[in-house]
């Protein structure tokens, strides 16, 4: 009789805890603590990822077979028309890349993040274009045109071995790119537009398309051959992977063009409907990845364009996307609120505008807010930092610097430069403030606090107000804000402080002001959320080099406060409008083994 060991080559182990690595997939073990047999099985699911910077559809995207390195370029933005903007995805979120030479939509792409290719499309009202561009990871450059201008075709392959097929202009045509020029190749058997494309120049795959079809064809470098059809006829679908292992997801289905969440997997012969459907029905989106790790972003949903991203995984791990969740409400709703706190379970909120200056102080324990002793002077818009048991409030309106010792507020020495609504960081014995309004114009002034006196430090490179801050006195971070009030513009500037001078760093993806401050996040692990314009709930995280998008807040707002760190951020108060009492808690993306209990039922 066969045994587990004779089949698997290993005995069933008895362990006091569960296995904790990917190699556990398929194994069975006995958990002596739970008195249960356990195993790990592969999990297939789509999870929410960080949104694009700009919602769009009909964009071009990379054909690279990796989920953690992709790009999307161009497309159509509702109310704005065609865009030239490129966004890059690093597995966690999007940041802005180099603009296309020519803004366009209804085209497709191929290649990788550092060697991308786009071709064809529509430029404004000029349809069936032939323009081709290459991307080097920084900028796009014009190349030789397609032989036949087309829009709504599909792309595959690489920058030096590209493939473009189908599309309005010649629905059967196929062209191959060698890194310099395009050459006509074998026609599709079923002419179509808005189809899915994947694979390589010598092993390509075409599926679906308009008129609504289930048709699938394989390309061998010379000609196309019909293969097994999709289970669901659709157009505007997205496809990723290789010829013998590909995914088709989303799209529009007949007869009304309704968006679908259906996902199908191709094994080189036939398509199988996946049990893992998209969370958001959509078509005309960007893509990347494989049949075990795919990516879908942007596209067309029932209400218009979207910036939503979903990640597809098939592994022993269950992936949980980054998200904001509702926490306990503040007792007093307010905006221009100040706050601090080293963690999500130890926040402090003080001051603000309700309307009228507020003096209320509240402490958060991870579940609810509790009112404690009021500030000595009601004020709003102070520059602040510290923890739940030792915080400082500097400047503000009216100006009165104060310190919190965990029980009471006491007056402290005022700043050398009067201001409000600036950035703050550090602790009550090593504080840092910078920028702000004096009384309306943005300032460059920085001041350092030793627990008693304020001393002038290095000046910001850009005068700013309504900016945000994080870090420490010797490793500070300034981001966002607005320029002077005569002709105000919102800033995406980031600057880092080394205890002496400020140095310009990466630009934020969303230029904005009135975000939450984070004294507890660091110079190399910052987080920004909320702000204006328009009032937003978008989130970005900073790694010391660049900003990438993350999960969007449940409630868009500005003039809010925060606490915690990049991995356990806390947002509270602000203006929606009106003044808000809402609290939200941030959790980053995580993964865990998909452990199952073996039963006899």
Protein backbone atom coordinates (compact mmCIF):
# COMPACT_ATOMS: atom_id res chain seq x y z
CA UNK A 1 0.00 0.00 0.00
CA UNK A 2 1.31 3.46 -0.86
CA UNK A 3 2.18 5.75 2.01
CA UNK A 4 2.61 9.51 2.23
CA UNK A 5 6.36 9.03 2.50
CA UNK A 6 6.55 6.74 -0.54
CA UNK A 7 4.64 9.29 -2.63
CA UNK A 8 6.13 12.55 -1.32
CA UNK A 9 9.44 11.26 -0.07
CA UNK A 10 8.96 12.71 3.41
CA UNK A 11 7.21 11.65 6.57
CA UNK A 12 4.33 13.59 8.12
CA UNK A 13 6.06 15.76 10.70
CA UNK A 14 4.72 16.66 14.13
CA UNK A 15 5.32 20.35 14.83
CA UNK A 16 4.30 22.68 17.64
CA UNK A 17 3.59 25.47 15.12
CA UNK A 18 2.78 25.81 11.43
CA UNK A 19 5.33 25.79 8.61
CA UNK A 20 6.21 29.29 7.47
CA UNK A 21 7.75 29.14 4.00
CA UNK A 22 6.71 28.66 0.39
CA UNK A 23 8.31 25.20 0.31
CA UNK A 24 5.49 24.05 2.59
CA UNK A 25 3.09 23.96 -0.38
CA UNK A 26 1.63 20.47 -0.80
CA UNK A 27 3.09 19.15 2.46
CA UNK A 28 1.07 17.76 5.34
CA UNK A 29 2.10 18.15 8.97
CA UNK A 30 0.56 17.60 12.38
CA UNK A 31 0.25 20.71 14.57
CA UNK A 32 0.60 19.31 18.10
CA UNK A 33 -0.54 22.59 19.65
CA UNK A 34 -3.83 22.66 17.71
CA UNK A 35 -4.10 18.84 17.57
CA UNK A 36 -4.88 19.11 13.85
CA UNK A 37 -3.37 18.02 10.54
CA UNK A 38 -2.47 20.99 8.30
CA UNK A 39 -1.32 21.62 4.76
CA UNK A 40 -0.64 24.50 2.39
CA UNK A 41 -2.37 24.80 -0.99
CA UNK A 42 -1.94 27.23 -3.85
CA UNK A 43 -4.24 30.24 -3.68
CA UNK A 44 -5.52 32.10 -6.75
CA UNK A 45 -6.93 35.59 -6.31
CA UNK A 46 -7.04 39.21 -7.48
CA UNK A 47 -6.23 41.76 -4.80
CA UNK A 48 -6.43 45.54 -4.81
CA UNK A 49 -3.16 47.29 -5.57
CA UNK A 50 -2.05 50.92 -5.38
CA UNK A 51 -3.93 53.14 -7.81
CA UNK A 52 -2.42 54.92 -10.79
CA UNK A 53 -1.57 58.58 -10.37
CA UNK A 54 -4.04 59.51 -13.14
CA UNK A 55 -7.18 57.59 -14.11
CA UNK A 56 -7.25 56.74 -17.83
CA UNK A 57 -8.28 54.18 -20.44
CA UNK A 58 -7.17 53.14 -23.94
CA UNK A 59 -3.54 53.34 -22.81
CA UNK A 60 -0.49 51.39 -23.93
CA UNK A 61 1.41 49.16 -21.52
CA UNK A 62 4.40 46.86 -21.22
CA UNK A 63 4.24 43.23 -22.29
CA UNK A 64 6.97 42.28 -19.83
CA UNK A 65 6.35 39.07 -17.94
CA UNK A 66 6.77 40.54 -14.48
CA UNK A 67 4.23 41.97 -12.07
CA UNK A 68 6.72 44.13 -10.21
CA UNK A 69 8.15 46.15 -13.09
CA UNK A 70 5.72 47.66 -15.56
CA UNK A 71 4.71 50.87 -17.31
CA UNK A 72 1.56 52.44 -18.72
CA UNK A 73 1.65 55.37 -21.15
CA UNK A 74 -0.77 57.74 -22.81
CA UNK A 75 -4.48 57.03 -22.98
CA UNK A 76 -7.66 59.02 -22.61
CA UNK A 77 -8.62 61.04 -19.50
CA UNK A 78 -12.30 61.91 -19.09
CA UNK A 79 -12.73 65.67 -19.39
CA UNK A 80 -9.12 66.25 -20.45
CA UNK A 81 -8.61 64.22 -23.60
CA UNK A 82 -5.43 62.45 -24.67
CA UNK A 83 -2.41 62.37 -22.37
CA UNK A 84 1.32 61.86 -22.90
CA UNK A 85 1.96 60.88 -19.28
CA UNK A 86 3.80 57.67 -18.41
CA UNK A 87 3.56 55.88 -15.09
CA UNK A 88 5.90 53.21 -13.75
CA UNK A 89 4.95 50.40 -11.35
CA UNK A 90 7.49 48.82 -8.99
CA UNK A 91 5.32 46.16 -7.37
CA UNK A 92 4.12 48.52 -4.64
CA UNK A 93 2.81 51.59 -6.43
CA UNK A 94 3.08 53.97 -9.37
CA UNK A 95 5.28 56.99 -9.91
CA UNK A 96 5.57 59.32 -12.88
CA UNK A 97 7.97 58.59 -15.73
CA UNK A 98 8.91 60.45 -18.90
CA UNK A 99 6.18 61.79 -21.17
CA UNK A 100 5.49 60.39 -24.63
CA UNK A 101 6.67 62.58 -27.48
CA UNK A 102 3.10 62.50 -28.82
CA UNK A 103 0.01 62.31 -26.59
CA UNK A 104 -2.36 59.63 -27.86
CA UNK A 105 -4.86 56.86 -27.12
CA UNK A 106 -6.16 53.63 -28.66
CA UNK A 107 -2.67 52.17 -29.12
CA UNK A 108 -0.61 49.45 -27.50
CA UNK A 109 2.86 48.69 -26.27
CA UNK A 110 5.49 46.02 -25.76
CA UNK A 111 8.79 45.53 -24.01
CA UNK A 112 10.03 46.27 -20.51
CA UNK A 113 10.31 49.18 -18.10
CA UNK A 114 13.77 50.10 -19.37
CA UNK A 115 13.18 49.09 -23.00
CA UNK A 116 9.60 49.91 -23.93
CA UNK A 117 7.84 50.29 -27.26
CA UNK A 118 4.56 51.94 -28.34
CA UNK A 119 3.00 52.06 -31.78
CA UNK A 120 -0.03 53.29 -33.66
CA UNK A 121 -3.10 54.82 -32.06
CA UNK A 122 -5.19 57.91 -32.37
CA UNK A 123 -3.91 61.45 -31.85
CA UNK A 124 -6.80 63.77 -31.06
CA UNK A 125 -9.20 63.58 -33.99
CA UNK A 126 -6.48 62.14 -36.25
CA UNK A 127 -7.12 58.43 -36.38
CA UNK A 128 -5.11 55.41 -37.58
CA UNK A 129 -1.67 56.76 -36.72
CA UNK A 130 1.63 55.04 -37.49
CA UNK A 131 3.98 56.77 -35.01
CA UNK A 132 6.35 54.54 -33.02
CA UNK A 133 8.31 55.47 -29.88
CA UNK A 134 10.89 53.73 -27.68
CA UNK A 135 11.37 54.13 -23.91
CA UNK A 136 14.68 53.79 -22.09
CA UNK A 137 13.24 53.97 -18.58
CA UNK A 138 13.57 57.75 -18.50
CA UNK A 139 12.41 59.26 -21.79
CA UNK A 140 10.60 58.40 -25.04
CA UNK A 141 12.08 58.96 -28.50
CA UNK A 142 10.50 58.87 -31.98
CA UNK A 143 11.35 55.91 -34.24
CA UNK A 144 10.34 54.72 -37.72
CA UNK A 145 6.60 54.51 -38.30
CA UNK A 146 4.41 51.47 -38.87
CA UNK A 147 3.84 50.70 -42.54
CA UNK A 148 0.08 50.86 -41.95
CA UNK A 149 -1.29 53.38 -39.47
CA UNK A 150 -3.72 51.71 -37.08
CA UNK A 151 -5.57 52.17 -33.81
CA UNK A 152 -7.02 49.67 -31.32
CA UNK A 153 -4.54 46.95 -32.32
CA UNK A 154 -2.57 44.70 -29.94
CA UNK A 155 1.12 44.60 -29.16
CA UNK A 156 3.51 41.89 -27.96
CA UNK A 157 7.21 41.07 -27.85
CA UNK A 158 10.12 43.33 -26.97
CA UNK A 159 11.65 46.64 -28.00
CA UNK A 160 13.99 44.92 -30.46
CA UNK A 161 11.55 42.20 -31.53
CA UNK A 162 8.11 43.78 -31.40
CA UNK A 163 4.79 42.65 -32.84
CA UNK A 164 1.66 44.66 -33.68
CA UNK A 165 -1.50 43.09 -35.10
CA UNK A 166 -5.13 43.87 -35.87
CA UNK A 167 -6.74 47.26 -35.34
CA UNK A 168 -8.77 49.83 -37.24
CA UNK A 169 -6.97 50.67 -40.45
CA UNK A 170 -6.29 47.04 -41.39
CA UNK A 171 -7.93 44.57 -39.07
CA UNK A 172 -5.90 41.59 -40.35
CA UNK A 173 -2.48 43.18 -40.66
CA UNK A 174 0.57 42.08 -38.68
CA UNK A 175 3.89 43.91 -38.53
CA UNK A 176 7.22 42.97 -36.93
CA UNK A 177 9.72 45.45 -35.44
CA UNK A 178 13.47 44.76 -35.33
CA UNK A 179 14.49 47.71 -33.17
CA UNK A 180 14.77 49.99 -36.19
CA UNK A 181 11.93 49.48 -38.63
CA UNK A 182 8.65 47.63 -39.21
CA UNK A 183 8.11 44.83 -41.74
CA UNK A 184 4.76 43.45 -42.93
CA UNK A 185 4.13 39.84 -41.82
CA UNK A 186 1.39 37.20 -42.04
CA UNK A 187 -2.21 38.36 -41.67
CA UNK A 188 -4.57 37.31 -38.90
CA UNK A 189 -7.18 34.81 -40.04
CA UNK A 190 -9.89 36.72 -38.16
CA UNK A 191 -9.61 40.48 -38.61
CA UNK A 192 -10.46 42.40 -35.45
CA UNK A 193 -9.87 45.42 -33.23
CA UNK A 194 -9.58 45.98 -29.45
CA UNK A 195 -8.18 42.47 -29.04
CA UNK A 196 -5.89 40.97 -26.44
CA UNK A 197 -2.24 40.33 -27.25
CA UNK A 198 0.61 38.53 -25.47
CA UNK A 199 3.71 36.46 -26.12
CA UNK A 200 6.73 37.15 -28.31
CA UNK A 201 7.47 38.03 -31.92
CA UNK A 202 7.95 34.35 -32.81
CA UNK A 203 5.32 32.97 -30.44
CA UNK A 204 2.49 35.48 -30.24
CA UNK A 205 -1.11 35.10 -29.11
CA UNK A 206 -4.22 37.02 -30.21
CA UNK A 207 -7.57 36.57 -28.46
CA UNK A 208 -11.04 38.10 -28.51
CA UNK A 209 -11.74 41.47 -30.05
CA UNK A 210 -14.36 43.40 -32.00
CA UNK A 211 -16.65 42.34 -33.60
CA UNK A 212 -17.28 40.35 -30.43
CA UNK A 213 -15.42 37.11 -30.87
CA UNK A 214 -13.96 34.19 -28.95
CA UNK A 215 -11.37 33.61 -31.67
CA UNK A 216 -7.82 32.76 -30.56
CA UNK A 217 -4.82 32.58 -32.88
CA UNK A 218 -1.17 31.66 -32.40
CA UNK A 219 1.71 33.24 -34.33
CA UNK A 220 4.91 31.32 -35.15
CA UNK A 221 6.93 34.19 -36.60
CA UNK A 222 5.45 33.76 -40.08
CA UNK A 223 1.74 32.94 -39.93
CA UNK A 224 -1.26 32.75 -37.63
CA UNK A 225 -3.07 29.49 -36.77
CA UNK A 226 -6.50 29.22 -35.15
CA UNK A 227 -6.59 27.63 -31.71
CA UNK A 228 -9.15 27.02 -28.95
CA UNK A 229 -11.64 29.88 -28.48
CA UNK A 230 -12.34 31.91 -25.36
CA UNK A 231 -15.30 30.81 -23.28
CA UNK A 232 -16.63 34.39 -23.24
CA UNK A 233 -16.68 36.52 -26.39
CA UNK A 234 -15.37 39.98 -25.58
CA UNK A 235 -13.60 43.07 -26.83
CA UNK A 236 -11.42 45.61 -25.03
CA UNK A 237 -9.91 42.78 -23.00
CA UNK A 238 -6.44 42.60 -21.49
CA UNK A 239 -3.99 39.73 -21.92
CA UNK A 240 -0.67 38.82 -20.32
CA UNK A 241 1.80 35.94 -20.36
CA UNK A 242 3.26 33.78 -23.11
CA UNK A 243 1.77 31.79 -25.99
CA UNK A 244 1.53 28.54 -24.01
CA UNK A 245 0.48 30.10 -20.72
CA UNK A 246 -1.58 33.27 -20.93
CA UNK A 247 -4.35 35.11 -19.09
CA UNK A 248 -7.27 37.06 -20.59
CA UNK A 249 -9.14 39.34 -18.21
CA UNK A 250 -11.84 41.96 -18.23
CA UNK A 251 -13.25 43.54 -21.36
CA UNK A 252 -16.69 44.37 -22.74
CA UNK A 253 -19.23 41.63 -23.53
CA UNK A 254 -22.21 41.51 -25.90
CA UNK A 255 -24.82 42.60 -26.51
CA UNK A 256 -24.65 45.88 -24.57
CA UNK A 257 -20.92 46.27 -24.06
CA UNK A 258 -21.20 45.73 -20.31
CA UNK A 259 -17.84 45.38 -18.55
CA UNK A 260 -16.96 41.95 -17.26
CA UNK A 261 -14.92 40.58 -14.37
CA UNK A 262 -14.34 37.23 -16.14
CA UNK A 263 -10.81 35.81 -16.21
CA UNK A 264 -9.62 32.92 -18.40
CA UNK A 265 -6.37 30.98 -18.50
CA UNK A 266 -4.83 29.51 -21.68
CA UNK A 267 -2.57 26.42 -21.64
CA UNK A 268 -1.49 26.49 -25.25
CA UNK A 269 -4.56 24.57 -26.44
CA UNK A 270 -7.71 25.73 -24.69
CA UNK A 271 -9.08 28.38 -22.34
CA UNK A 272 -10.37 27.63 -18.82
CA UNK A 273 -12.47 30.06 -16.80
CA UNK A 274 -10.64 31.00 -13.62
CA UNK A 275 -12.47 31.00 -10.28
CA UNK A 276 -10.62 34.23 -9.45
CA UNK A 277 -12.64 37.08 -10.97
CA UNK A 278 -11.66 40.74 -11.06
CA UNK A 279 -13.04 42.86 -8.23
CA UNK A 280 -13.84 45.69 -10.65
CA UNK A 281 -15.48 44.97 -14.01
CA UNK A 282 -13.62 46.93 -16.69
CA UNK A 283 -12.04 46.97 -20.12
CA UNK A 284 -9.47 48.97 -22.13
CA UNK A 285 -6.90 48.71 -19.32
CA UNK A 286 -3.12 48.31 -19.00
CA UNK A 287 -1.40 45.03 -18.19
CA UNK A 288 1.78 43.13 -17.37
CA UNK A 289 2.83 39.83 -15.87
CA UNK A 290 2.26 36.10 -16.23
CA UNK A 291 -0.42 33.50 -15.48
CA UNK A 292 0.79 33.32 -11.89
CA UNK A 293 1.49 37.01 -11.28
CA UNK A 294 -0.46 39.44 -13.49
CA UNK A 295 -1.25 43.13 -13.23
CA UNK A 296 -4.22 45.21 -14.47
CA UNK A 297 -4.44 48.99 -14.12
CA UNK A 298 -6.62 51.84 -15.31
CA UNK A 299 -9.39 51.21 -17.82
CA UNK A 300 -13.05 51.83 -18.41
CA UNK A 301 -15.70 51.07 -15.77
CA UNK A 302 -19.44 51.75 -15.67
CA UNK A 303 -18.94 55.31 -14.38
CA UNK A 304 -16.03 56.28 -16.64
CA UNK A 305 -12.25 55.95 -16.42
CA UNK A 306 -10.56 54.47 -13.38
CA UNK A 307 -7.12 54.53 -11.74
CA UNK A 308 -7.73 51.24 -9.91
CA UNK A 309 -5.09 48.51 -9.92
CA UNK A 310 -5.48 44.80 -9.28
CA UNK A 311 -2.79 42.15 -8.86
CA UNK A 312 -3.35 38.49 -9.75
CA UNK A 313 -1.41 35.87 -7.84
CA UNK A 314 -1.32 32.11 -7.89
CA UNK A 315 0.92 30.93 -5.08
CA UNK A 316 1.02 29.35 -1.66
CA UNK A 317 0.70 32.83 -0.20
CA UNK A 318 -2.48 34.81 0.37
CA UNK A 319 -1.82 38.45 -0.56
CA UNK A 320 -3.69 41.18 1.29
CA UNK A 321 -3.52 44.58 -0.40
CA UNK A 322 -2.69 47.81 1.40
CA UNK A 323 -5.81 49.50 2.75
CA UNK A 324 -7.28 52.18 4.97
CA UNK A 325 -9.91 51.09 7.51
CA UNK A 326 -12.24 53.15 9.68
CA UNK A 327 -11.24 53.71 13.30
CA UNK A 328 -12.98 55.39 16.21
CA UNK A 329 -14.29 58.91 15.61
CA UNK A 330 -12.87 61.99 17.29
CA UNK A 331 -15.12 63.47 19.96
CA UNK A 332 -14.73 66.94 18.39
CA UNK A 333 -14.81 67.34 14.61
CA UNK A 334 -12.25 69.89 13.36
CA UNK A 335 -9.88 70.92 10.59
CA UNK A 336 -6.44 72.55 10.67
CA UNK A 337 -6.04 70.00 13.43
CA UNK A 338 -2.65 69.16 14.91
CA UNK A 339 -1.46 65.77 15.99
CA UNK A 340 1.40 63.38 16.65
CA UNK A 341 2.05 59.89 17.93
CA UNK A 342 4.63 57.18 17.43
CA UNK A 343 2.17 54.44 16.47
CA UNK A 344 -1.35 53.71 15.34
CA UNK A 345 -2.35 52.77 18.89
CA UNK A 346 -0.87 55.86 20.56
CA UNK A 347 -2.09 58.98 18.76
CA UNK A 348 -2.72 62.48 20.06
CA UNK A 349 -4.95 65.19 18.52
CA UNK A 350 -4.97 68.79 19.70
CA UNK A 351 -6.19 72.22 18.67
CA UNK A 352 -7.77 72.90 15.29
CA UNK A 353 -10.71 74.86 13.89
CA UNK A 354 -14.29 73.74 14.61
CA UNK A 355 -15.25 76.66 13.50
CA UNK A 356 -13.33 78.88 15.88
CA UNK A 357 -9.99 77.90 17.38
CA UNK A 358 -10.15 74.70 19.45
CA UNK A 359 -8.29 73.77 22.62
CA UNK A 360 -9.48 70.16 22.94
CA UNK A 361 -6.90 67.38 23.37
CA UNK A 362 -7.73 63.73 22.64
CA UNK A 363 -5.74 60.50 22.93
CA UNK A 364 -6.20 57.42 20.72
CA UNK A 365 -5.58 53.85 21.90
CA UNK A 366 -6.14 52.06 18.61
CA UNK A 367 -9.88 51.83 19.16
CA UNK A 368 -11.31 55.06 20.51
CA UNK A 369 -10.46 58.68 21.36
CA UNK A 370 -10.56 59.95 24.95
CA UNK A 371 -10.75 63.62 25.89
CA UNK A 372 -8.04 64.76 28.30
CA UNK A 373 -6.83 68.16 29.58
CA UNK A 374 -7.26 71.06 27.16
CA UNK A 375 -4.50 73.21 25.71
CA UNK A 376 -3.82 76.41 27.60
CA UNK A 377 -4.48 78.46 24.48
CA UNK A 378 -6.99 77.48 21.80
CA UNK A 379 -5.23 77.58 18.42
CA UNK A 380 -5.07 76.02 14.97
CA UNK A 381 -2.46 75.33 12.34
CA UNK A 382 0.53 74.92 14.64
CA UNK A 383 3.75 73.19 13.64
CA UNK A 384 4.07 70.08 15.74
CA UNK A 385 5.83 66.83 16.58
CA UNK A 386 6.49 64.34 19.35
CA UNK A 387 4.57 61.45 20.86
CA UNK A 388 1.37 60.80 22.77
CA UNK A 389 3.17 61.45 26.08
CA UNK A 390 5.54 64.24 25.01
CA UNK A 391 4.45 66.55 22.20
CA UNK A 392 5.13 70.13 21.12
CA UNK A 393 2.94 72.70 19.39
CA UNK A 394 4.82 75.67 17.91
CA UNK A 395 3.56 78.82 16.25
CA UNK A 396 -0.04 78.54 15.10
CA UNK A 397 -2.86 81.03 15.25
CA UNK A 398 -2.86 82.73 17.65
CA UNK A 399 0.85 82.18 18.15
CA UNK A 400 1.63 80.39 21.40
CA UNK A 401 4.08 77.52 21.63
CA UNK A 402 3.09 74.81 24.10
CA UNK A 403 4.38 71.46 25.40
CA UNK A 404 2.44 68.36 26.43
CA UNK A 405 3.88 66.10 29.15
CA UNK A 406 1.30 63.35 28.92
CA UNK A 407 -1.06 65.06 31.36
CA UNK A 408 -0.94 68.85 30.97
CA UNK A 409 -0.01 71.58 28.51
CA UNK A 410 2.44 74.33 29.53
CA UNK A 411 3.51 77.41 27.60
CA UNK A 412 7.00 77.32 26.07
CA UNK A 413 9.25 79.72 24.16
CA UNK A 414 7.87 80.99 20.88
CA UNK A 415 9.49 80.54 17.48
CA UNK A 416 11.89 83.19 16.19
CA UNK A 417 9.77 83.53 13.03
CA UNK A 418 6.03 83.71 13.60
CA UNK A 419 4.13 81.28 11.35
CA UNK A 420 1.38 78.68 11.03
CA UNK A 421 0.52 75.76 8.76
CA UNK A 422 4.07 74.55 8.23
CA UNK A 423 5.97 71.29 8.59
CA UNK A 424 7.09 69.74 11.85
CA UNK A 425 9.12 66.71 12.95
CA UNK A 426 11.20 65.32 15.76
CA UNK A 427 10.63 65.19 19.51
CA UNK A 428 9.96 67.61 22.35
CA UNK A 429 13.69 67.77 23.14
CA UNK A 430 14.90 67.68 19.53
CA UNK A 431 12.19 69.30 17.44
CA UNK A 432 12.25 70.66 13.91
CA UNK A 433 9.88 73.07 12.11
CA UNK A 434 10.11 74.48 8.60
CA UNK A 435 8.12 76.49 6.08
CA UNK A 436 4.64 77.79 6.90
CA UNK A 437 2.66 81.02 6.51
CA UNK A 438 4.04 84.36 7.77
CA UNK A 439 1.35 85.68 7.85
CA UNK A 440 0.19 84.59 4.37
CA UNK A 441 3.34 84.13 2.30
CA UNK A 442 5.32 80.91 2.42
CA UNK A 443 8.68 81.02 4.20
CA UNK A 444 11.96 79.09 3.89
CA UNK A 445 12.91 79.42 7.53
CA UNK A 446 13.85 76.32 9.59
CA UNK A 447 14.13 76.21 13.37
CA UNK A 448 15.48 73.56 15.75
CA UNK A 449 14.25 73.01 19.33
CA UNK A 450 16.29 71.67 22.26
CA UNK A 451 13.41 71.51 24.73
CA UNK A 452 13.88 75.13 25.79
CA UNK A 453 14.94 77.41 22.95
CA UNK A 454 14.45 77.63 19.19
CA UNK A 455 17.55 78.15 16.99
CA UNK A 456 17.61 78.97 13.29
CA UNK A 457 18.76 76.16 10.99
CA UNK A 458 19.31 75.77 7.26
CA UNK A 459 16.71 77.26 4.95
CA UNK A 460 14.46 75.37 2.55
CA UNK A 461 15.27 75.70 -1.15
CA UNK A 462 11.60 76.53 -1.89
CA UNK A 463 9.43 78.86 0.18
CA UNK A 464 6.30 76.94 1.09
CA UNK A 465 3.19 76.96 3.26
CA UNK A 466 0.60 74.31 4.09
CA UNK A 467 3.44 71.81 3.72
CA UNK A 468 3.98 68.56 5.62
CA UNK A 469 6.91 67.09 7.49
CA UNK A 470 8.38 63.92 8.95
CA UNK A 471 11.60 62.52 10.35
CA UNK A 472 13.95 63.82 13.01
CA UNK A 473 15.93 66.96 13.76
CA UNK A 474 18.98 65.60 11.94
CA UNK A 475 17.11 63.66 9.23
CA UNK A 476 14.01 65.68 8.37
CA UNK A 477 11.65 65.43 5.42
CA UNK A 478 9.60 68.26 3.88
CA UNK A 479 7.04 67.61 1.15
CA UNK A 480 4.24 69.34 -0.71
CA UNK A 481 2.64 72.65 0.18
CA UNK A 482 1.79 75.81 -1.74
CA UNK A 483 3.88 78.65 -3.11
CA UNK A 484 3.27 82.35 -2.42
CA UNK A 485 -0.35 83.62 -2.19
CA UNK A 486 -0.17 86.09 -5.09
CA UNK A 487 -0.20 83.37 -7.71
CA UNK A 488 -0.38 80.19 -5.63
CA UNK A 489 0.49 76.82 -7.07
CA UNK A 490 0.58 73.51 -5.30
CA UNK A 491 3.97 71.92 -4.97
CA UNK A 492 5.24 68.40 -5.32
CA UNK A 493 8.63 69.36 -3.93
CA UNK A 494 10.47 67.06 -1.53
CA UNK A 495 13.49 68.16 0.50
CA UNK A 496 15.67 66.25 2.97
CA UNK A 497 17.43 67.83 5.98
CA UNK A 498 20.72 66.53 7.40
CA UNK A 499 20.78 68.71 10.49
CA UNK A 500 22.48 71.56 8.64
CA UNK A 501 21.08 71.99 5.14
CA UNK A 502 18.15 70.99 2.95
CA UNK A 503 18.65 69.05 -0.32
CA UNK A 504 16.02 68.68 -3.05
CA UNK A 505 14.83 65.13 -3.67
CA UNK A 506 12.14 63.36 -5.73
CA UNK A 507 8.95 65.09 -6.86
CA UNK A 508 5.64 63.79 -5.52
CA UNK A 509 3.20 62.26 -8.00
CA UNK A 510 0.39 64.52 -6.73
CA UNK A 511 1.40 68.13 -6.15
CA UNK A 512 -0.71 69.17 -3.17
CA UNK A 513 -1.04 71.10 0.06
CA UNK A 514 -2.88 70.64 3.39
CA UNK A 515 -1.77 67.02 3.89
CA UNK A 516 -1.34 65.26 7.22
CA UNK A 517 2.02 65.61 8.97
CA UNK A 518 3.95 62.62 10.21
CA UNK A 519 6.54 63.29 12.87
CA UNK A 520 6.97 59.55 13.49
CA UNK A 521 7.56 58.44 9.90
CA UNK A 522 11.14 58.82 8.75
CA UNK A 523 13.23 60.45 6.06
CA UNK A 524 13.60 57.14 4.23
CA UNK A 525 10.11 55.80 4.98
CA UNK A 526 7.66 58.68 4.66
CA UNK A 527 3.96 58.68 3.89
CA UNK A 528 1.70 61.41 2.49
CA UNK A 529 -2.09 61.40 2.25
CA UNK A 530 -5.07 63.68 1.91
CA UNK A 531 -4.78 67.31 0.84
CA UNK A 532 -5.92 69.52 -1.99
CA UNK A 533 -6.56 70.26 -4.90
CA UNK A 534 -9.03 68.84 -5.34
CA UNK A 535 -9.80 67.44 -1.92
CA UNK A 536 -8.23 64.01 -2.11
CA UNK A 537 -7.68 60.78 -0.24
CA UNK A 538 -4.73 59.66 -2.36
CA UNK A 539 -1.73 58.19 -0.56
CA UNK A 540 1.94 58.07 -1.50
CA UNK A 541 4.89 56.43 0.24
CA UNK A 542 8.54 57.56 0.09
CA UNK A 543 11.58 55.30 0.32
CA UNK A 544 14.27 57.97 0.43
CA UNK A 545 14.53 58.05 -3.34
CA UNK A 546 11.08 58.20 -4.91
CA UNK A 547 7.35 58.46 -4.18
CA UNK A 548 4.91 55.73 -5.29
CA UNK A 549 1.16 55.53 -4.95
CA UNK A 550 -0.54 53.40 -2.33
CA UNK A 551 -4.09 52.67 -1.11
CA UNK A 552 -6.61 55.52 -1.27
CA UNK A 553 -8.29 56.73 1.93
CA UNK A 554 -11.95 55.93 2.46
CA UNK A 555 -12.79 59.62 2.94
CA UNK A 556 -11.12 62.33 0.85
CA UNK A 557 -10.16 65.31 3.02
CA UNK A 558 -7.68 68.11 3.62
CA UNK A 559 -6.28 70.01 6.62
CA UNK A 560 -6.13 66.76 8.58
CA UNK A 561 -3.60 65.36 11.05
CA UNK A 562 -1.85 62.05 11.49
CA UNK A 563 0.36 59.85 13.60
CA UNK A 564 2.15 56.54 13.38
CA UNK A 565 4.61 55.41 10.72
CA UNK A 566 4.62 54.37 7.08
CA UNK A 567 3.47 50.87 8.06
CA UNK A 568 0.86 51.83 10.68
CA UNK A 569 -0.28 55.34 9.82
CA UNK A 570 -3.20 57.09 11.49
CA UNK A 571 -5.35 59.83 9.89
CA UNK A 572 -7.89 61.95 11.77
CA UNK A 573 -10.00 65.08 11.47
CA UNK A 574 -9.77 67.50 8.56
CA UNK A 575 -12.28 69.03 6.19
CA UNK A 576 -14.36 67.00 3.73
CA UNK A 577 -16.18 69.57 3.91
CA UNK A 578 -17.52 70.11 6.57
CA UNK A 579 -15.18 69.60 9.53
CA UNK A 580 -14.59 65.88 10.03
CA UNK A 581 -14.33 63.64 13.09
CA UNK A 582 -13.37 60.54 11.09
CA UNK A 583 -10.34 58.38 11.84
CA UNK A 584 -8.70 55.93 9.47
CA UNK A 585 -5.94 53.38 10.02
CA UNK A 586 -3.46 52.27 7.34
CA UNK A 587 -2.22 48.73 6.80
CA UNK A 588 0.43 47.99 4.14
CA UNK A 589 0.33 45.06 1.74
CA UNK A 590 1.12 41.73 3.40
CA UNK A 591 1.31 38.05 2.55
CA UNK A 592 0.85 34.84 4.51
CA UNK A 593 0.88 31.13 3.72
CA UNK A 594 -2.50 29.72 2.72
CA UNK A 595 -2.64 27.13 5.51
CA UNK A 596 -5.65 24.81 5.60
CA UNK A 597 -6.86 22.36 8.19
CA UNK A 598 -7.40 18.81 6.92
CA UNK A 599 -10.80 17.43 7.91
CA UNK A 600 -12.80 14.33 7.10
CA UNK A 601 -15.86 16.34 5.99
